[in-house]
C-alpha atoms as a PDB file:
ATOM      1  CA  MET A   1      -0.121  -0.140   0.045  1.00  0.00           C
ATOM      2  CA  LEU A   2       1.295   3.181  -1.035  1.00  0.00           C
ATOM      3  CA  LEU A   3      -0.764   6.016   0.664  1.00  0.00           C
ATOM      4  CA  THR A   4      -2.965   5.613   3.491  1.00  0.00           C
ATOM      5  CA  THR A   5      -4.851   8.417   5.629  1.00  0.00           C
ATOM      6  CA  SER A   6      -5.603   8.040   9.336  1.00  0.00           C
ATOM      7  CA  GLN A   7      -6.712  11.026  11.496  1.00  0.00           C
ATOM      8  CA  SER A   8      -5.528  13.687   9.102  1.00  0.00           C
ATOM      9  CA  THR A   9      -2.159  11.989   8.824  1.00  0.00           C
ATOM     10  CA  LEU A  10      -0.969  11.071   5.311  1.00  0.00           C
ATOM     11  CA  ILE A  11       1.605   8.039   5.516  1.00  0.00           C
ATOM     12  CA  LEU A  12       3.651   6.940   2.663  1.00  0.00           C
ATOM     13  CA  SER A  13       5.375   3.697   3.125  1.00  0.00           C
ATOM     14  CA  LEU A  14       8.767   3.794   1.276  1.00  0.00           C
ATOM     15  CA  PRO A  15      10.601   0.450   0.207  1.00  0.00           C
ATOM     16  CA  ALA A  16      13.646   1.074   2.509  1.00  0.00           C
ATOM     17  CA  ASP A  17      11.965   0.877   5.909  1.00  0.00           C
ATOM     18  CA  ASN A  18      11.454   4.737   5.876  1.00  0.00           C
ATOM     19  CA  ALA A  19       8.442   6.479   7.161  1.00  0.00           C
ATOM     20  CA  LEU A  20       7.202   9.698   5.806  1.00  0.00           C
ATOM     21  CA  SER A  21       4.240  11.273   7.459  1.00  0.00           C
ATOM     22  CA  LEU A  22       2.487  14.623   6.646  1.00  0.00           C
ATOM     23  CA  GLN A  23       0.441  16.097   9.698  1.00  0.00           C
ATOM     24  CA  ILE A  24      -2.337  18.588   8.692  1.00  0.00           C
ATOM     25  CA  GLN A  25      -3.655  20.820  11.324  1.00  0.00           C
ATOM     26  CA  THR A  26      -5.779  23.865  11.895  1.00  0.00           C
ATOM     27  CA  PRO A  27      -3.129  26.770  12.312  1.00  0.00           C
ATOM     28  CA  TYR A  28      -5.360  28.490  14.926  1.00  0.00           C
ATOM     29  CA  GLN A  29      -8.314  27.754  17.640  1.00  0.00           C
ATOM     30  CA  LEU A  30     -11.572  29.407  17.529  1.00  0.00           C
ATOM     31  CA  SER A  31     -10.840  31.781  20.301  1.00  0.00           C
ATOM     32  CA  GLN A  32     -10.590  35.821  20.425  1.00  0.00           C
ATOM     33  CA  ALA A  33      -7.142  35.373  22.376  1.00  0.00           C
ATOM     34  CA  THR A  34      -3.985  36.073  20.606  1.00  0.00           C
ATOM     35  CA  TYR A  35      -2.382  32.877  19.402  1.00  0.00           C
ATOM     36  CA  GLN A  36       0.959  31.772  18.218  1.00  0.00           C
ATOM     37  CA  TRP A  37       1.228  30.624  14.476  1.00  0.00           C
ATOM     38  CA  ILE A  38       1.129  27.080  13.950  1.00  0.00           C
ATOM     39  CA  HIS A  39       2.177  25.891  10.462  1.00  0.00           C
ATOM     40  CA  PRO A  40      -0.610  23.900   8.931  1.00  0.00           C
ATOM     41  CA  PHE A  41       1.594  21.314   7.703  1.00  0.00           C
ATOM     42  CA  THR A  42       4.363  19.314   9.464  1.00  0.00           C
ATOM     43  CA  LEU A  43       6.444  16.671   7.477  1.00  0.00           C
ATOM     44  CA  LYS A  44       8.132  13.903   9.534  1.00  0.00           C
ATOM     45  CA  THR A  45      10.589  11.367   8.018  1.00  0.00           C
ATOM     46  CA  SER A  46      12.156   8.352   9.969  1.00  0.00           C
ATOM     47  CA  SER A  47      14.669   5.949   8.781  1.00  0.00           C
ATOM     48  CA  ALA A  48      16.684   3.060  10.247  1.00  0.00           C
ATOM     49  CA  LEU A  49      19.733   4.643   8.514  1.00  0.00           C
ATOM     50  CA  SER A  50      19.458   8.292   9.483  1.00  0.00           C
ATOM     51  CA  SER A  51      17.920  10.239  12.212  1.00  0.00           C
ATOM     52  CA  ASP A  52      14.572  11.327  12.145  1.00  0.00           C
ATOM     53  CA  ALA A  53      13.877  14.858  10.784  1.00  0.00           C
ATOM     54  CA  GLU A  54      10.849  17.035  10.716  1.00  0.00           C
ATOM     55  CA  ILE A  55       9.805  20.421   8.669  1.00  0.00           C
ATOM     56  CA  SER A  56       6.834  22.635   9.087  1.00  0.00           C
ATOM     57  CA  PHE A  57       5.692  24.744   6.228  1.00  0.00           C
ATOM     58  CA  ASP A  58       2.586  26.808   5.127  1.00  0.00           C
ATOM     59  CA  ALA A  59       1.747  25.472   1.689  1.00  0.00           C
ATOM     60  CA  LEU A  60       1.511  21.972   0.640  1.00  0.00           C
ATOM     61  CA  SER A  61       3.638  22.732  -2.438  1.00  0.00           C
ATOM     62  CA  ASP A  62       6.672  23.495  -0.303  1.00  0.00           C
ATOM     63  CA  ALA A  63       6.708  19.882   0.586  1.00  0.00           C
ATOM     64  CA  GLU A  64       7.306  18.547  -2.789  1.00  0.00           C
ATOM     65  CA  SER A  65      11.002  18.976  -2.614  1.00  0.00           C
ATOM     66  CA  PRO A  66      11.466  17.168   0.726  1.00  0.00           C
ATOM     67  CA  ILE A  67       9.103  14.221  -0.040  1.00  0.00           C
ATOM     68  CA  MET A  68      10.826  13.510  -3.462  1.00  0.00           C
ATOM     69  CA  LEU A  69      14.255  13.570  -1.640  1.00  0.00           C
ATOM     70  CA  ALA A  70      12.916  10.959   0.815  1.00  0.00           C
ATOM     71  CA  VAL A  71      11.501   8.902  -2.024  1.00  0.00           C
ATOM     72  CA  GLU A  72      14.971   9.069  -3.868  1.00  0.00           C
ATOM     73  CA  GLU A  73      16.847   8.203  -0.885  1.00  0.00           C
ATOM     74  CA  SER A  74      14.620   5.216  -0.102  1.00  0.00           C
ATOM     75  CA  LEU A  75      14.760   3.996  -3.782  1.00  0.00           C
ATOM     76  CA  SER A  76      18.712   4.332  -3.658  1.00  0.00           C
ATOM     77  CA  THR A  77      18.856   2.336  -0.435  1.00  0.00           C
ATOM     78  CA  THR A  78      16.407  -0.452  -1.761  1.00  0.00           C
ATOM     79  CA  SER A  79      18.507  -0.750  -5.005  1.00  0.00           C
ATOM     80  CA  LEU A  80      21.771  -1.016  -3.318  1.00  0.00           C
ATOM     81  CA  ASP A  81      20.077  -3.846  -0.794  1.00  0.00           C
ATOM     82  CA  ILE A  82      18.926  -5.724  -4.051  1.00  0.00           C
ATOM     83  CA  LEU A  83      22.422  -5.357  -6.161  1.00  0.00           C
ATOM     84  CA  GLY A  84      24.181  -6.802  -3.031  1.00  0.00           C
ATOM     85  CA  PRO A  85      27.739  -6.076  -1.543  1.00  0.00           C
ATOM     86  CA  LYS A  86      29.853  -6.262  -5.023  1.00  0.00           C
ATOM     87  CA  TRP A  87      28.330  -3.038  -5.784  1.00  0.00           C
ATOM     88  CA  ARG A  88      28.989   0.325  -4.253  1.00  0.00           C
ATOM     89  CA  LYS A  89      26.756   3.548  -4.560  1.00  0.00           C
ATOM     90  CA  ILE A  90      28.496   6.301  -6.470  1.00  0.00           C
ATOM     91  CA  GLU A  91      25.708   8.948  -5.730  1.00  0.00           C
ATOM     92  CA  MET A  92      22.166   9.067  -5.173  1.00  0.00           C
ATOM     93  CA  GLY A  93      20.818   6.374  -7.624  1.00  0.00           C
ATOM     94  CA  GLU A  94      24.177   5.501  -9.312  1.00  0.00           C
ATOM     95  CA  PHE A  95      25.953   2.212  -8.624  1.00  0.00           C
ATOM     96  CA  GLU A  96      29.202   0.673  -9.809  1.00  0.00           C
ATOM     97  CA  SER A  97      30.697  -2.845  -9.789  1.00  0.00           C
ATOM     98  CA  SER A  98      33.672  -4.019 -11.703  1.00  0.00           C
ATOM     99  CA  GLY A  99      33.754  -1.077 -14.034  1.00  0.00           C
ATOM    100  CA  ARG A 100      29.916  -1.487 -15.059  1.00  0.00           C
ATOM    101  CA  ARG A 101      27.692   1.528 -13.873  1.00  0.00           C
ATOM    102  CA  ILE A 102      23.953   1.632 -13.739  1.00  0.00           C
ATOM    103  CA  ARG A 103      21.332   4.389 -12.456  1.00  0.00           C
ATOM    104  CA  VAL A 104      18.101   3.749 -11.034  1.00  0.00           C
ATOM    105  CA  GLU A 105      15.737   6.869 -11.397  1.00  0.00           C
ATOM    106  CA  LEU A 106      12.403   7.796 -10.483  1.00  0.00           C
ATOM    107  CA  ARG A 107      10.686   9.607 -13.399  1.00  0.00           C
ATOM    108  CA  GLY A 108       7.353  11.874 -13.302  1.00  0.00           C
ATOM    109  CA  GLN A 109       4.922  12.292 -15.879  1.00  0.00           C
ATOM    110  CA  ASN A 110       1.405  13.132 -15.982  1.00  0.00           C
ATOM    111  CA  HIS A 111       1.306  12.887 -12.074  1.00  0.00           C
ATOM    112  CA  MET A 112       2.586   9.408 -12.081  1.00  0.00           C
ATOM    113  CA  GLY A 113       6.021   8.008 -11.305  1.00  0.00           C
ATOM    114  CA  LYS A 114       7.862   5.349 -12.940  1.00  0.00           C
ATOM    115  CA  ILE A 115      11.189   3.638 -12.094  1.00  0.00           C
ATOM    116  CA  VAL A 116      13.739   3.355 -14.750  1.00  0.00           C
ATOM    117  CA  VAL A 117      16.941   1.467 -14.738  1.00  0.00           C
ATOM    118  CA  LEU A 118      19.686   2.993 -16.972  1.00  0.00           C
ATOM    119  CA  ASP A 119      22.419   0.178 -17.954  1.00  0.00           C
ATOM    120  CA  GLY A 120      24.894   1.598 -20.559  1.00  0.00           C
ATOM    121  CA  SER A 121      22.552   2.974 -23.117  1.00  0.00           C
ATOM    122  CA  GLU A 122      19.650   0.868 -22.343  1.00  0.00           C
ATOM    123  CA  GLU A 123      16.497   2.084 -20.682  1.00  0.00           C
ATOM    124  CA  ILE A 124      14.530  -0.394 -18.689  1.00  0.00           C
ATOM    125  CA  GLU A 125      11.321   0.722 -17.291  1.00  0.00           C
ATOM    126  CA  CYS A 126       9.827  -1.008 -14.445  1.00  0.00           C
ATOM    127  CA  ILE A 127       6.518  -1.713 -16.134  1.00  0.00           C
ATOM    128  CA  HIS A 128       5.126  -5.307 -15.647  1.00  0.00           C
ATOM    129  CA  ARG A 129       8.647  -6.346 -13.920  1.00  0.00           C
ATOM    130  CA  SER A 130       9.825  -5.252 -10.671  1.00  0.00           C
ATOM    131  CA  LEU A 131      12.958  -3.464  -9.714  1.00  0.00           C
ATOM    132  CA  ARG A 132      14.342  -6.603  -8.042  1.00  0.00           C
ATOM    133  CA  GLU A 133      13.583  -8.517 -11.316  1.00  0.00           C
ATOM    134  CA  ILE A 134      15.643  -5.987 -13.323  1.00  0.00           C
ATOM    135  CA  LEU A 135      18.314  -5.607 -10.919  1.00  0.00           C
ATOM    136  CA  SER A 136      18.874  -9.261 -10.331  1.00  0.00           C
ATOM    137  CA  GLY A 137      19.089  -9.919 -14.059  1.00  0.00           C
ATOM    138  CA  ILE A 138      21.673  -7.245 -14.234  1.00  0.00           C
ATOM    139  CA  THR A 139      23.777  -8.903 -11.406  1.00  0.00           C
ATOM    140  CA  GLU A 140      23.312 -12.130 -12.839  1.00  0.00           C
ATOM    141  CA  SER A 141      24.631 -11.174 -16.318  1.00  0.00           C
ATOM    142  CA  MET A 142      28.038 -10.014 -14.929  1.00  0.00           C
END
């Protein structure tokens, strides 16, 4: 399950055991008293590999960048786990083993995301095939 809602919190479960939650709250209470501004959106991330982080913001569009970064980091971590110990991570989504380099990318199009594996000049889309299946095929062909 990719997205669930529970008491005004959206939870996006990522493949590398990361958690990303977005809490939406009313920025003020119905009161005549002065109040301290509370940001209506709070994004929290947690991961087994890094410390928890939290940011607050006023517009949902401000969260696009941190959400995409969390998704890309999770995809990169998952890819390295699938590839195994013979591979090393060069940078986000790029991996090398015995002089061979591959790149795993998340590409967005029409509000839909797809995972693409770049192996040399070949682009392999994760459509009707899992990322594990594609990366396992690459490691077995070495």
